[in-house]
Amino acid sequence: MRAHLARVDAVLVQALIAAALSFAHIHDVAMAAGQDGWKAWAYPISVDLLLVAAWRRLRTSTAKAAAWCWFVIALTASLGANVATAGLLDMTDVPAWLRILVAGWPAVAFLGGTLLAHSAPKEPTDENGTDLIGDQEDEPEATPETPVQPAIGPPPSTPRVPVPTALVDHARKVAVEHHTRTGAPIDTPTLRARLGIPAPLAEAIAAQL
């Protein structure tokens, strides 16, 4: 336990040192580019917030292309400031292109932060495009006291309903997925709810499973 805490403490200290140095470098570049006072301090905060928003989207979303794009942009801004203040740039005579980049950064950061924070993450789907999260929420759960009845065919008095082959194939995949997840065969009401079809059609499909 103590060894684990020591490793965590070392990582936190290293992260704080890196964040403080990067923060100061971005501030110095902003000052050299003509952004004085509170504006120079707002630039490193803006870069760090964009990094955090991009990293959070990478950890929580399945669509990672946009998150990686904005993460690289923010990381480039941070690394660029570190390199610029390492003696490779005359801080008393900043070139015009760097002044343009510094002046345009707030708009870029606002656009990236808005897209990352307010765009809806893509929910996972199966091979047929079915929403897995919605299916799991809508499907009734079987209780131990009430065992799930096996699938039964339609009663003799029910007229035979024509069923498309493609719908039977899709229902068969749904039944296999239900059996894999619950360990019990799918019943007709559950099959009807999953497919969103009328009761006679669900009974006709259940007879062919």
C-alpha atoms as a PDB file:
ATOM      1  CA  MET A   1       0.000   0.000   0.000  1.00  0.00           C
ATOM      2  CA  ARG A   2       2.799   2.432   0.878  1.00  0.00           C
ATOM      3  CA  ALA A   3       4.664   1.577  -2.325  1.00  0.00           C
ATOM      4  CA  HIS A   4       1.513   2.277  -4.341  1.00  0.00           C
ATOM      5  CA  LEU A   5       1.041   5.640  -2.599  1.00  0.00           C
ATOM      6  CA  ALA A   6       4.668   6.511  -3.266  1.00  0.00           C
ATOM      7  CA  ARG A   7       4.230   5.836  -6.976  1.00  0.00           C
ATOM      8  CA  VAL A   8       1.054   7.904  -7.073  1.00  0.00           C
ATOM      9  CA  ASP A   9       2.720  10.779  -5.212  1.00  0.00           C
ATOM     10  CA  ALA A  10       5.666  10.748  -7.607  1.00  0.00           C
ATOM     11  CA  VAL A  11       3.357  10.886 -10.614  1.00  0.00           C
ATOM     12  CA  LEU A  12       1.351  13.743  -9.110  1.00  0.00           C
ATOM     13  CA  VAL A  13       4.472  15.749  -8.312  1.00  0.00           C
ATOM     14  CA  GLN A  14       5.806  15.229 -11.833  1.00  0.00           C
ATOM     15  CA  ALA A  15       2.434  16.258 -13.317  1.00  0.00           C
ATOM     16  CA  LEU A  16       2.349  19.423 -11.206  1.00  0.00           C
ATOM     17  CA  ILE A  17       5.890  20.374 -12.248  1.00  0.00           C
ATOM     18  CA  ALA A  18       5.143  19.822 -15.951  1.00  0.00           C
ATOM     19  CA  ALA A  19       1.857  21.740 -15.740  1.00  0.00           C
ATOM     20  CA  ALA A  20       3.465  24.691 -13.935  1.00  0.00           C
ATOM     21  CA  LEU A  21       6.350  24.952 -16.420  1.00  0.00           C
ATOM     22  CA  SER A  22       4.060  24.664 -19.434  1.00  0.00           C
ATOM     23  CA  PHE A  23       1.710  27.232 -17.890  1.00  0.00           C
ATOM     24  CA  ALA A  24       4.574  29.702 -17.435  1.00  0.00           C
ATOM     25  CA  HIS A  25       5.914  29.145 -20.969  1.00  0.00           C
ATOM     26  CA  ILE A  26       2.542  29.811 -22.595  1.00  0.00           C
ATOM     27  CA  HIS A  27       2.171  32.936 -20.452  1.00  0.00           C
ATOM     28  CA  ASP A  28       5.605  34.195 -21.548  1.00  0.00           C
ATOM     29  CA  VAL A  29       4.834  33.633 -25.234  1.00  0.00           C
ATOM     30  CA  ALA A  30       1.512  35.462 -24.896  1.00  0.00           C
ATOM     31  CA  MET A  31       3.262  38.366 -23.165  1.00  0.00           C
ATOM     32  CA  ALA A  32       5.894  38.546 -25.907  1.00  0.00           C
ATOM     33  CA  ALA A  33       3.125  38.526 -28.561  1.00  0.00           C
ATOM     34  CA  GLY A  34       1.521  41.637 -27.055  1.00  0.00           C
ATOM     35  CA  GLN A  35      -1.070  40.042 -24.753  1.00  0.00           C
ATOM     36  CA  ASP A  36      -0.342  41.722 -21.414  1.00  0.00           C
ATOM     37  CA  GLY A  37      -2.061  41.715 -18.037  1.00  0.00           C
ATOM     38  CA  TRP A  38      -4.820  39.200 -17.331  1.00  0.00           C
ATOM     39  CA  LYS A  39      -4.967  38.234 -21.009  1.00  0.00           C
ATOM     40  CA  ALA A  40      -1.533  36.617 -20.854  1.00  0.00           C
ATOM     41  CA  TRP A  41      -2.669  34.455 -17.937  1.00  0.00           C
ATOM     42  CA  ALA A  42      -5.874  33.433 -19.737  1.00  0.00           C
ATOM     43  CA  TYR A  43      -3.973  31.809 -22.607  1.00  0.00           C
ATOM     44  CA  PRO A  44      -2.416  28.898 -20.632  1.00  0.00           C
ATOM     45  CA  ILE A  45      -5.758  28.289 -18.908  1.00  0.00           C
ATOM     46  CA  SER A  46      -7.424  28.078 -22.327  1.00  0.00           C
ATOM     47  CA  VAL A  47      -4.836  25.581 -23.616  1.00  0.00           C
ATOM     48  CA  ASP A  48      -5.113  23.384 -20.512  1.00  0.00           C
ATOM     49  CA  LEU A  49      -8.925  23.363 -20.597  1.00  0.00           C
ATOM     50  CA  LEU A  50      -8.906  22.270 -24.248  1.00  0.00           C
ATOM     51  CA  LEU A  51      -6.470  19.471 -23.374  1.00  0.00           C
ATOM     52  CA  VAL A  52      -8.712  18.293 -20.523  1.00  0.00           C
ATOM     53  CA  ALA A  53     -11.861  18.402 -22.698  1.00  0.00           C
ATOM     54  CA  ALA A  54     -10.176  16.414 -25.469  1.00  0.00           C
ATOM     55  CA  TRP A  55      -8.779  13.833 -23.018  1.00  0.00           C
ATOM     56  CA  ARG A  56     -12.181  13.397 -21.383  1.00  0.00           C
ATOM     57  CA  ARG A  57     -13.820  12.765 -24.776  1.00  0.00           C
ATOM     58  CA  LEU A  58     -11.092  10.215 -25.602  1.00  0.00           C
ATOM     59  CA  ARG A  59     -11.871   8.330 -22.376  1.00  0.00           C
ATOM     60  CA  THR A  60     -15.676   8.396 -22.624  1.00  0.00           C
ATOM     61  CA  SER A  61     -16.629   8.350 -26.306  1.00  0.00           C
ATOM     62  CA  THR A  62     -16.386   5.761 -29.077  1.00  0.00           C
ATOM     63  CA  ALA A  63     -15.929   8.453 -31.756  1.00  0.00           C
ATOM     64  CA  LYS A  64     -12.339   9.488 -31.087  1.00  0.00           C
ATOM     65  CA  ALA A  65     -11.299  11.203 -34.359  1.00  0.00           C
ATOM     66  CA  ALA A  66     -12.428  14.703 -33.338  1.00  0.00           C
ATOM     67  CA  ALA A  67     -11.083  14.258 -29.802  1.00  0.00           C
ATOM     68  CA  TRP A  68      -7.652  13.235 -31.116  1.00  0.00           C
ATOM     69  CA  CYS A  69      -7.644  16.220 -33.505  1.00  0.00           C
ATOM     70  CA  TRP A  70      -8.270  18.791 -30.751  1.00  0.00           C
ATOM     71  CA  PHE A  71      -5.941  16.996 -28.344  1.00  0.00           C
ATOM     72  CA  VAL A  72      -3.088  17.285 -30.882  1.00  0.00           C
ATOM     73  CA  ILE A  73      -3.899  20.973 -31.501  1.00  0.00           C
ATOM     74  CA  ALA A  74      -3.779  21.813 -27.781  1.00  0.00           C
ATOM     75  CA  LEU A  75      -0.666  19.687 -27.244  1.00  0.00           C
ATOM     76  CA  THR A  76       1.060  21.433 -30.173  1.00  0.00           C
ATOM     77  CA  ALA A  77       0.257  24.830 -28.636  1.00  0.00           C
ATOM     78  CA  SER A  78       1.716  23.721 -25.292  1.00  0.00           C
ATOM     79  CA  LEU A  79       4.844  22.125 -26.777  1.00  0.00           C
ATOM     80  CA  GLY A  80       5.332  25.058 -29.144  1.00  0.00           C
ATOM     81  CA  ALA A  81       5.434  27.460 -26.213  1.00  0.00           C
ATOM     82  CA  ASN A  82       7.930  25.250 -24.400  1.00  0.00           C
ATOM     83  CA  VAL A  83      10.240  25.144 -27.421  1.00  0.00           C
ATOM     84  CA  ALA A  84       9.849  28.855 -28.177  1.00  0.00           C
ATOM     85  CA  THR A  85      10.964  29.844 -24.685  1.00  0.00           C
ATOM     86  CA  ALA A  86      13.986  27.521 -24.746  1.00  0.00           C
ATOM     87  CA  GLY A  87      16.158  30.091 -26.527  1.00  0.00           C
ATOM     88  CA  LEU A  88      15.042  29.334 -30.095  1.00  0.00           C
ATOM     89  CA  LEU A  89      12.897  32.483 -30.297  1.00  0.00           C
ATOM     90  CA  ASP A  90      13.845  36.094 -29.645  1.00  0.00           C
ATOM     91  CA  MET A  91      11.205  37.050 -27.081  1.00  0.00           C
ATOM     92  CA  THR A  92      11.902  40.752 -27.674  1.00  0.00           C
ATOM     93  CA  ASP A  93      11.194  40.504 -31.416  1.00  0.00           C
ATOM     94  CA  VAL A  94       8.333  38.033 -31.961  1.00  0.00           C
ATOM     95  CA  PRO A  95       7.588  37.356 -35.660  1.00  0.00           C
ATOM     96  CA  ALA A  96       4.267  38.467 -37.128  1.00  0.00           C
ATOM     97  CA  TRP A  97       3.022  34.911 -37.770  1.00  0.00           C
ATOM     98  CA  LEU A  98       3.349  34.073 -34.076  1.00  0.00           C
ATOM     99  CA  ARG A  99       1.415  37.196 -33.114  1.00  0.00           C
ATOM    100  CA  ILE A 100      -1.329  36.104 -35.533  1.00  0.00           C
ATOM    101  CA  LEU A 101      -1.430  32.601 -34.013  1.00  0.00           C
ATOM    102  CA  VAL A 102      -1.618  33.964 -30.467  1.00  0.00           C
ATOM    103  CA  ALA A 103      -4.343  36.458 -31.410  1.00  0.00           C
ATOM    104  CA  GLY A 104      -6.415  33.771 -33.144  1.00  0.00           C
ATOM    105  CA  TRP A 105      -6.051  31.105 -30.446  1.00  0.00           C
ATOM    106  CA  PRO A 106      -9.110  32.151 -28.334  1.00  0.00           C
ATOM    107  CA  ALA A 107     -11.469  31.569 -31.277  1.00  0.00           C
ATOM    108  CA  VAL A 108      -9.858  28.192 -32.034  1.00  0.00           C
ATOM    109  CA  ALA A 109     -10.054  27.109 -28.388  1.00  0.00           C
ATOM    110  CA  PHE A 110     -13.693  28.218 -28.129  1.00  0.00           C
ATOM    111  CA  LEU A 111     -14.628  26.238 -31.228  1.00  0.00           C
ATOM    112  CA  GLY A 112     -12.823  23.102 -30.031  1.00  0.00           C
ATOM    113  CA  GLY A 113     -14.195  23.301 -26.498  1.00  0.00           C
ATOM    114  CA  THR A 114     -17.752  23.803 -27.755  1.00  0.00           C
ATOM    115  CA  LEU A 115     -17.578  20.849 -30.146  1.00  0.00           C
ATOM    116  CA  LEU A 116     -16.064  18.578 -27.504  1.00  0.00           C
ATOM    117  CA  ALA A 117     -18.382  19.569 -24.667  1.00  0.00           C
ATOM    118  CA  HIS A 118     -21.724  19.842 -26.459  1.00  0.00           C
ATOM    119  CA  SER A 119     -21.654  17.219 -29.222  1.00  0.00           C
ATOM    120  CA  ALA A 120     -23.498  14.027 -28.257  1.00  0.00           C
ATOM    121  CA  PRO A 121     -21.202  10.964 -27.961  1.00  0.00           C
ATOM    122  CA  LYS A 122     -21.996   8.058 -30.278  1.00  0.00           C
ATOM    123  CA  GLU A 123     -23.617   5.109 -28.508  1.00  0.00           C
ATOM    124  CA  PRO A 124     -22.372   1.592 -29.329  1.00  0.00           C
ATOM    125  CA  THR A 125     -24.460  -0.511 -31.736  1.00  0.00           C
ATOM    126  CA  ASP A 126     -24.359  -4.117 -32.864  1.00  0.00           C
ATOM    127  CA  GLU A 127     -23.651  -5.386 -36.399  1.00  0.00           C
ATOM    128  CA  ASN A 128     -27.259  -4.682 -37.466  1.00  0.00           C
ATOM    129  CA  GLY A 129     -27.133  -1.060 -36.237  1.00  0.00           C
ATOM    130  CA  THR A 130     -29.342  -1.801 -33.224  1.00  0.00           C
ATOM    131  CA  ASP A 131     -28.816   0.447 -30.203  1.00  0.00           C
ATOM    132  CA  LEU A 132     -27.412  -1.897 -27.555  1.00  0.00           C
ATOM    133  CA  ILE A 133     -28.033   0.495 -24.649  1.00  0.00           C
ATOM    134  CA  GLY A 134     -31.655   1.087 -25.646  1.00  0.00           C
ATOM    135  CA  ASP A 135     -32.281  -2.663 -26.060  1.00  0.00           C
ATOM    136  CA  GLN A 136     -30.907  -3.399 -22.618  1.00  0.00           C
ATOM    137  CA  GLU A 137     -33.070  -0.701 -21.037  1.00  0.00           C
ATOM    138  CA  ASP A 138     -36.302  -1.713 -22.812  1.00  0.00           C
ATOM    139  CA  GLU A 139     -36.021  -5.479 -22.360  1.00  0.00           C
ATOM    140  CA  PRO A 140     -37.855  -6.809 -19.291  1.00  0.00           C
ATOM    141  CA  GLU A 141     -35.685  -8.578 -16.758  1.00  0.00           C
ATOM    142  CA  ALA A 142     -36.583 -12.124 -15.685  1.00  0.00           C
ATOM    143  CA  THR A 143     -36.861 -12.689 -11.939  1.00  0.00           C
ATOM    144  CA  PRO A 144     -35.714 -15.939 -10.237  1.00  0.00           C
ATOM    145  CA  GLU A 145     -39.228 -16.489  -8.856  1.00  0.00           C
ATOM    146  CA  THR A 146     -40.821 -16.391 -12.325  1.00  0.00           C
ATOM    147  CA  PRO A 147     -38.901 -18.575 -14.781  1.00  0.00           C
ATOM    148  CA  VAL A 148     -38.993 -17.508 -18.400  1.00  0.00           C
ATOM    149  CA  GLN A 149     -41.279 -19.701 -20.455  1.00  0.00           C
ATOM    150  CA  PRO A 150     -39.833 -21.208 -23.639  1.00  0.00           C
ATOM    151  CA  ALA A 151     -40.994 -19.888 -26.988  1.00  0.00           C
ATOM    152  CA  ILE A 152     -44.273 -21.415 -28.108  1.00  0.00           C
ATOM    153  CA  GLY A 153     -46.037 -21.468 -31.417  1.00  0.00           C
ATOM    154  CA  PRO A 154     -49.355 -19.799 -32.203  1.00  0.00           C
ATOM    155  CA  PRO A 155     -52.585 -21.496 -31.036  1.00  0.00           C
ATOM    156  CA  PRO A 156     -54.385 -23.709 -33.579  1.00  0.00           C
ATOM    157  CA  SER A 157     -57.110 -21.106 -34.072  1.00  0.00           C
ATOM    158  CA  THR A 158     -54.638 -18.410 -35.079  1.00  0.00           C
ATOM    159  CA  PRO A 159     -54.424 -18.011 -38.870  1.00  0.00           C
ATOM    160  CA  ARG A 160     -50.999 -18.477 -40.417  1.00  0.00           C
ATOM    161  CA  VAL A 161     -49.237 -15.131 -40.985  1.00  0.00           C
ATOM    162  CA  PRO A 162     -46.674 -14.843 -43.820  1.00  0.00           C
ATOM    163  CA  VAL A 163     -43.281 -13.879 -42.432  1.00  0.00           C
ATOM    164  CA  PRO A 164     -40.434 -12.451 -44.565  1.00  0.00           C
ATOM    165  CA  THR A 165     -37.276 -14.545 -44.476  1.00  0.00           C
ATOM    166  CA  ALA A 166     -35.117 -11.523 -43.623  1.00  0.00           C
ATOM    167  CA  LEU A 167     -37.280 -10.785 -40.556  1.00  0.00           C
ATOM    168  CA  VAL A 168     -36.988 -14.396 -39.391  1.00  0.00           C
ATOM    169  CA  ASP A 169     -33.197 -14.238 -39.756  1.00  0.00           C
ATOM    170  CA  HIS A 170     -33.043 -11.015 -37.747  1.00  0.00           C
ATOM    171  CA  ALA A 171     -35.350 -12.487 -35.073  1.00  0.00           C
ATOM    172  CA  ARG A 172     -33.096 -15.536 -34.861  1.00  0.00           C
ATOM    173  CA  LYS A 173     -30.087 -13.273 -34.147  1.00  0.00           C
ATOM    174  CA  VAL A 174     -32.069 -11.448 -31.468  1.00  0.00           C
ATOM    175  CA  ALA A 175     -33.057 -14.771 -29.870  1.00  0.00           C
ATOM    176  CA  VAL A 176     -29.437 -15.978 -29.841  1.00  0.00           C
ATOM    177  CA  GLU A 177     -28.233 -12.733 -28.290  1.00  0.00           C
ATOM    178  CA  HIS A 178     -30.996 -12.934 -25.625  1.00  0.00           C
ATOM    179  CA  HIS A 179     -30.126 -16.538 -24.790  1.00  0.00           C
ATOM    180  CA  THR A 180     -26.406 -15.696 -24.550  1.00  0.00           C
ATOM    181  CA  ARG A 181     -27.042 -12.817 -22.180  1.00  0.00           C
ATOM    182  CA  THR A 182     -29.791 -14.328 -19.981  1.00  0.00           C
ATOM    183  CA  GLY A 183     -29.212 -18.060 -20.321  1.00  0.00           C
ATOM    184  CA  ALA A 184     -32.884 -18.655 -21.191  1.00  0.00           C
ATOM    185  CA  PRO A 185     -34.802 -18.852 -24.500  1.00  0.00           C
ATOM    186  CA  ILE A 186     -36.571 -15.705 -25.573  1.00  0.00           C
ATOM    187  CA  ASP A 187     -40.344 -15.678 -25.089  1.00  0.00           C
ATOM    188  CA  THR A 188     -42.915 -14.279 -27.508  1.00  0.00           C
ATOM    189  CA  PRO A 189     -43.722 -11.016 -25.617  1.00  0.00           C
ATOM    190  CA  THR A 190     -40.030 -10.187 -25.329  1.00  0.00           C
ATOM    191  CA  LEU A 191     -39.463 -11.005 -29.000  1.00  0.00           C
ATOM    192  CA  ARG A 192     -42.395  -8.773 -29.937  1.00  0.00           C
ATOM    193  CA  ALA A 193     -41.012  -5.906 -27.830  1.00  0.00           C
ATOM    194  CA  ARG A 194     -37.526  -6.264 -29.284  1.00  0.00           C
ATOM    195  CA  LEU A 195     -38.725  -6.309 -32.909  1.00  0.00           C
ATOM    196  CA  GLY A 196     -41.598  -3.826 -32.499  1.00  0.00           C
ATOM    197  CA  ILE A 197     -44.090  -5.970 -34.419  1.00  0.00           C
ATOM    198  CA  PRO A 198     -47.773  -7.005 -33.869  1.00  0.00           C
ATOM    199  CA  ALA A 199     -48.571  -9.998 -31.700  1.00  0.00           C
ATOM    200  CA  PRO A 200     -49.727 -12.347 -34.541  1.00  0.00           C
ATOM    201  CA  LEU A 201     -46.521 -11.702 -36.469  1.00  0.00           C
ATOM    202  CA  ALA A 202     -44.417 -12.279 -33.349  1.00  0.00           C
ATOM    203  CA  GLU A 203     -46.193 -15.579 -32.677  1.00  0.00           C
ATOM    204  CA  ALA A 204     -45.621 -16.703 -36.260  1.00  0.00           C
ATOM    205  CA  ILE A 205     -41.909 -15.883 -36.005  1.00  0.00           C
ATOM    206  CA  ALA A 206     -41.628 -17.615 -32.615  1.00  0.00           C
ATOM    207  CA  ALA A 207     -43.011 -20.791 -34.196  1.00  0.00           C
ATOM    208  CA  GLN A 208     -40.142 -20.838 -36.680  1.00  0.00           C
ATOM    209  CA  LEU A 209     -37.315 -20.258 -34.172  1.00  0.00           C
END
